[in-house]
Every structure is written in structure tokens, then in C-alpha cells.
Amino acid sequence: MRLRHAAVAAFGAFTLLLTLPTSASAATGEFQYTVTGLDGSPLRVVLEDPESRECITLPEVADPGASSPAHSPRNRTTSTATVFTEPGCEGDFFTLRPLTGHGSARLQLRSVVFS
């Protein structure tokens, strides 16, 4: 009888542990994009484990009056990435699926948010 009660208690504790909310998490993995360097050459930029549910304006292209948009995004994170044509997650948007989502040089972006 005691063994059964102990097993039930252990199972209940394990179940409770699984239902506890986790802290604000990050998308695990890399998000890559390409910007144009000062000399006109393409530069690959990487965001490592970016925050989830938080708009990230890409610093290299944050000012539309001073820079061309980034392009060719590659989502190698475990979260869906939604890229936007304007800073502050505004403008037109496109969704990139987790781990394999990517866009061509025609997909321009200035900000991104991860699910």
C-alpha cells in the first residue's frame, strides 16, 4: 500500500513540475541575415538565441533614411520568426518556419519577432 501511495505522490510531483510556467525564454539557435557593409560588400549577421515575443529592430538597418534593408534571412532557431519591412515590427511581414525557414535577397527586413 505504501509503495502505491509513494508512486502516486511521485507521479503527482512530476506532473506538477511539468505544468509550472517557465521564465521568458529565448528562441534557441541562430537567426542570420545579410546587410550591406560600408564598402558595399555583403556582411552576414547572426542573432544568437534571440528573445521570444519581443520585437527586435536590427541595429544595422534601423534607420530607413541611412541604410538599405537587410535581406536573405535564415531562421535556424526553434521558434517561428516573423520578419518585417520596417523598424519596430511594422510594415509588411513574412513568416519563416523554425529551423529551416529562409528567404532570398528579395525578402527585405528591418525587424523580427520570434514566437
C-alpha atoms as a PDB file:
ATOM      1  CA  MET A   1       0.000   0.000   0.000  1.00  0.00           C
ATOM      2  CA  ARG A   2       2.759   2.448   0.923  1.00  0.00           C
ATOM      3  CA  LEU A   3       4.603   1.774  -2.293  1.00  0.00           C
ATOM      4  CA  ARG A   4       1.499   2.617  -4.296  1.00  0.00           C
ATOM      5  CA  HIS A   5       0.998   5.885  -2.368  1.00  0.00           C
ATOM      6  CA  ALA A   6       4.660   6.798  -2.882  1.00  0.00           C
ATOM      7  CA  ALA A   7       4.390   6.101  -6.603  1.00  0.00           C
ATOM      8  CA  VAL A   8       1.225   8.209  -6.887  1.00  0.00           C
ATOM      9  CA  ALA A   9       2.868  11.054  -4.950  1.00  0.00           C
ATOM     10  CA  ALA A  10       5.977  10.919  -7.151  1.00  0.00           C
ATOM     11  CA  PHE A  11       3.862  10.926 -10.304  1.00  0.00           C
ATOM     12  CA  GLY A  12       1.848  13.888  -8.985  1.00  0.00           C
ATOM     13  CA  ALA A  13       5.012  15.842  -8.200  1.00  0.00           C
ATOM     14  CA  PHE A  14       6.399  15.120 -11.666  1.00  0.00           C
ATOM     15  CA  THR A  15       3.156  16.237 -13.301  1.00  0.00           C
ATOM     16  CA  LEU A  16       3.157  19.446 -11.275  1.00  0.00           C
ATOM     17  CA  LEU A  17       6.730  20.126 -12.327  1.00  0.00           C
ATOM     18  CA  LEU A  18       5.752  19.828 -15.992  1.00  0.00           C
ATOM     19  CA  THR A  19       2.892  22.310 -15.615  1.00  0.00           C
ATOM     20  CA  LEU A  20       4.893  25.074 -13.918  1.00  0.00           C
ATOM     21  CA  PRO A  21       5.404  28.057 -16.204  1.00  0.00           C
ATOM     22  CA  THR A  22       8.919  28.693 -17.393  1.00  0.00           C
ATOM     23  CA  SER A  23      10.580  32.063 -17.402  1.00  0.00           C
ATOM     24  CA  ALA A  24      10.565  34.254 -20.502  1.00  0.00           C
ATOM     25  CA  SER A  25      12.549  32.175 -22.898  1.00  0.00           C
ATOM     26  CA  ALA A  26      14.673  32.721 -25.898  1.00  0.00           C
ATOM     27  CA  ALA A  27      14.403  31.132 -29.285  1.00  0.00           C
ATOM     28  CA  THR A  28      17.182  28.555 -29.270  1.00  0.00           C
ATOM     29  CA  GLY A  29      19.564  28.741 -32.207  1.00  0.00           C
ATOM     30  CA  GLU A  30      20.700  31.329 -34.730  1.00  0.00           C
ATOM     31  CA  PHE A  31      18.871  33.840 -36.871  1.00  0.00           C
ATOM     32  CA  GLN A  32      21.020  35.054 -39.747  1.00  0.00           C
ATOM     33  CA  TYR A  33      20.591  37.944 -42.155  1.00  0.00           C
ATOM     34  CA  THR A  34      22.722  39.879 -44.635  1.00  0.00           C
ATOM     35  CA  VAL A  35      23.427  43.618 -44.604  1.00  0.00           C
ATOM     36  CA  THR A  36      25.448  45.796 -46.961  1.00  0.00           C
ATOM     37  CA  GLY A  37      28.723  46.931 -45.415  1.00  0.00           C
ATOM     38  CA  LEU A  38      30.148  50.438 -45.701  1.00  0.00           C
ATOM     39  CA  ASP A  39      32.324  49.301 -48.613  1.00  0.00           C
ATOM     40  CA  GLY A  40      29.300  47.783 -50.391  1.00  0.00           C
ATOM     41  CA  SER A  41      30.178  44.168 -49.607  1.00  0.00           C
ATOM     42  CA  PRO A  42      27.620  41.803 -48.063  1.00  0.00           C
ATOM     43  CA  LEU A  43      28.017  41.026 -44.355  1.00  0.00           C
ATOM     44  CA  ARG A  44      26.344  38.074 -42.629  1.00  0.00           C
ATOM     45  CA  VAL A  45      24.999  38.978 -39.166  1.00  0.00           C
ATOM     46  CA  VAL A  46      23.892  36.426 -36.548  1.00  0.00           C
ATOM     47  CA  LEU A  47      21.479  36.785 -33.636  1.00  0.00           C
ATOM     48  CA  GLU A  48      22.261  34.009 -31.151  1.00  0.00           C
ATOM     49  CA  ASP A  49      19.341  32.724 -29.016  1.00  0.00           C
ATOM     50  CA  PRO A  50      17.162  35.830 -29.538  1.00  0.00           C
ATOM     51  CA  GLU A  51      14.403  36.692 -27.055  1.00  0.00           C
ATOM     52  CA  SER A  52      10.936  35.339 -27.806  1.00  0.00           C
ATOM     53  CA  ARG A  53       7.837  37.544 -28.158  1.00  0.00           C
ATOM     54  CA  GLU A  54       9.937  40.709 -28.231  1.00  0.00           C
ATOM     55  CA  CYS A  55      10.328  42.886 -31.320  1.00  0.00           C
ATOM     56  CA  ILE A  56      13.965  43.179 -32.358  1.00  0.00           C
ATOM     57  CA  THR A  57      14.835  46.071 -34.665  1.00  0.00           C
ATOM     58  CA  LEU A  58      18.023  45.120 -36.487  1.00  0.00           C
ATOM     59  CA  PRO A  59      20.561  47.765 -35.410  1.00  0.00           C
ATOM     60  CA  GLU A  60      22.487  47.819 -38.699  1.00  0.00           C
ATOM     61  CA  VAL A  61      19.374  48.812 -40.663  1.00  0.00           C
ATOM     62  CA  ALA A  62      17.262  50.603 -38.044  1.00  0.00           C
ATOM     63  CA  ASP A  63      17.297  53.964 -39.883  1.00  0.00           C
ATOM     64  CA  PRO A  64      15.498  53.692 -43.247  1.00  0.00           C
ATOM     65  CA  GLY A  65      16.972  57.043 -44.305  1.00  0.00           C
ATOM     66  CA  ALA A  66      20.554  55.926 -43.763  1.00  0.00           C
ATOM     67  CA  SER A  67      20.707  52.274 -44.804  1.00  0.00           C
ATOM     68  CA  SER A  68      19.355  49.664 -47.159  1.00  0.00           C
ATOM     69  CA  PRO A  69      17.232  46.928 -45.560  1.00  0.00           C
ATOM     70  CA  ALA A  70      18.743  43.616 -44.550  1.00  0.00           C
ATOM     71  CA  HIS A  71      17.919  40.620 -46.740  1.00  0.00           C
ATOM     72  CA  SER A  72      18.343  36.858 -47.139  1.00  0.00           C
ATOM     73  CA  PRO A  73      17.171  35.829 -43.648  1.00  0.00           C
ATOM     74  CA  ARG A  74      17.787  32.298 -42.381  1.00  0.00           C
ATOM     75  CA  ASN A  75      15.844  31.077 -39.363  1.00  0.00           C
ATOM     76  CA  ARG A  76      17.872  28.408 -37.600  1.00  0.00           C
ATOM     77  CA  THR A  77      16.021  28.855 -34.293  1.00  0.00           C
ATOM     78  CA  THR A  78      13.443  26.580 -32.713  1.00  0.00           C
ATOM     79  CA  SER A  79      10.789  29.321 -32.998  1.00  0.00           C
ATOM     80  CA  THR A  80       8.836  30.792 -35.874  1.00  0.00           C
ATOM     81  CA  ALA A  81      10.371  34.108 -36.985  1.00  0.00           C
ATOM     82  CA  THR A  82       8.196  36.870 -38.424  1.00  0.00           C
ATOM     83  CA  VAL A  83      10.247  39.464 -40.310  1.00  0.00           C
ATOM     84  CA  PHE A  84       9.010  42.995 -41.026  1.00  0.00           C
ATOM     85  CA  THR A  85       9.933  45.558 -43.675  1.00  0.00           C
ATOM     86  CA  GLU A  86      10.012  48.438 -41.171  1.00  0.00           C
ATOM     87  CA  PRO A  87      11.628  49.029 -37.749  1.00  0.00           C
ATOM     88  CA  GLY A  88       9.512  48.302 -34.683  1.00  0.00           C
ATOM     89  CA  CYS A  89       7.853  45.250 -36.287  1.00  0.00           C
ATOM     90  CA  GLU A  90       5.735  47.362 -38.599  1.00  0.00           C
ATOM     91  CA  GLY A  91       5.033  47.241 -42.308  1.00  0.00           C
ATOM     92  CA  ASP A  92       4.684  44.192 -44.489  1.00  0.00           C
ATOM     93  CA  PHE A  93       5.680  40.901 -42.903  1.00  0.00           C
ATOM     94  CA  PHE A  94       6.657  37.356 -43.796  1.00  0.00           C
ATOM     95  CA  THR A  95       6.853  34.268 -41.573  1.00  0.00           C
ATOM     96  CA  LEU A  96       9.832  31.887 -41.555  1.00  0.00           C
ATOM     97  CA  ARG A  97       9.285  28.435 -40.079  1.00  0.00           C
ATOM     98  CA  PRO A  98      11.573  27.088 -37.342  1.00  0.00           C
ATOM     99  CA  LEU A  99      14.972  25.544 -38.175  1.00  0.00           C
ATOM    100  CA  THR A 100      14.674  25.631 -41.976  1.00  0.00           C
ATOM    101  CA  GLY A 101      12.923  28.886 -42.884  1.00  0.00           C
ATOM    102  CA  HIS A 102      14.768  31.194 -45.231  1.00  0.00           C
ATOM    103  CA  GLY A 103      14.238  34.000 -47.692  1.00  0.00           C
ATOM    104  CA  SER A 104      16.035  35.199 -50.795  1.00  0.00           C
ATOM    105  CA  ALA A 105      17.788  38.522 -51.366  1.00  0.00           C
ATOM    106  CA  ARG A 106      14.393  39.891 -52.436  1.00  0.00           C
ATOM    107  CA  LEU A 107      12.988  39.432 -48.901  1.00  0.00           C
ATOM    108  CA  GLN A 108      13.945  42.688 -47.197  1.00  0.00           C
ATOM    109  CA  LEU A 109      13.646  43.254 -43.456  1.00  0.00           C
ATOM    110  CA  ARG A 110      14.401  45.749 -40.701  1.00  0.00           C
ATOM    111  CA  SER A 111      12.919  43.959 -37.666  1.00  0.00           C
ATOM    112  CA  VAL A 112      11.925  40.493 -36.460  1.00  0.00           C
ATOM    113  CA  VAL A 113       9.903  38.833 -33.686  1.00  0.00           C
ATOM    114  CA  PHE A 114      10.107  35.187 -32.582  1.00  0.00           C
ATOM    115  CA  SER A 115       7.146  33.127 -31.353  1.00  0.00           C
END
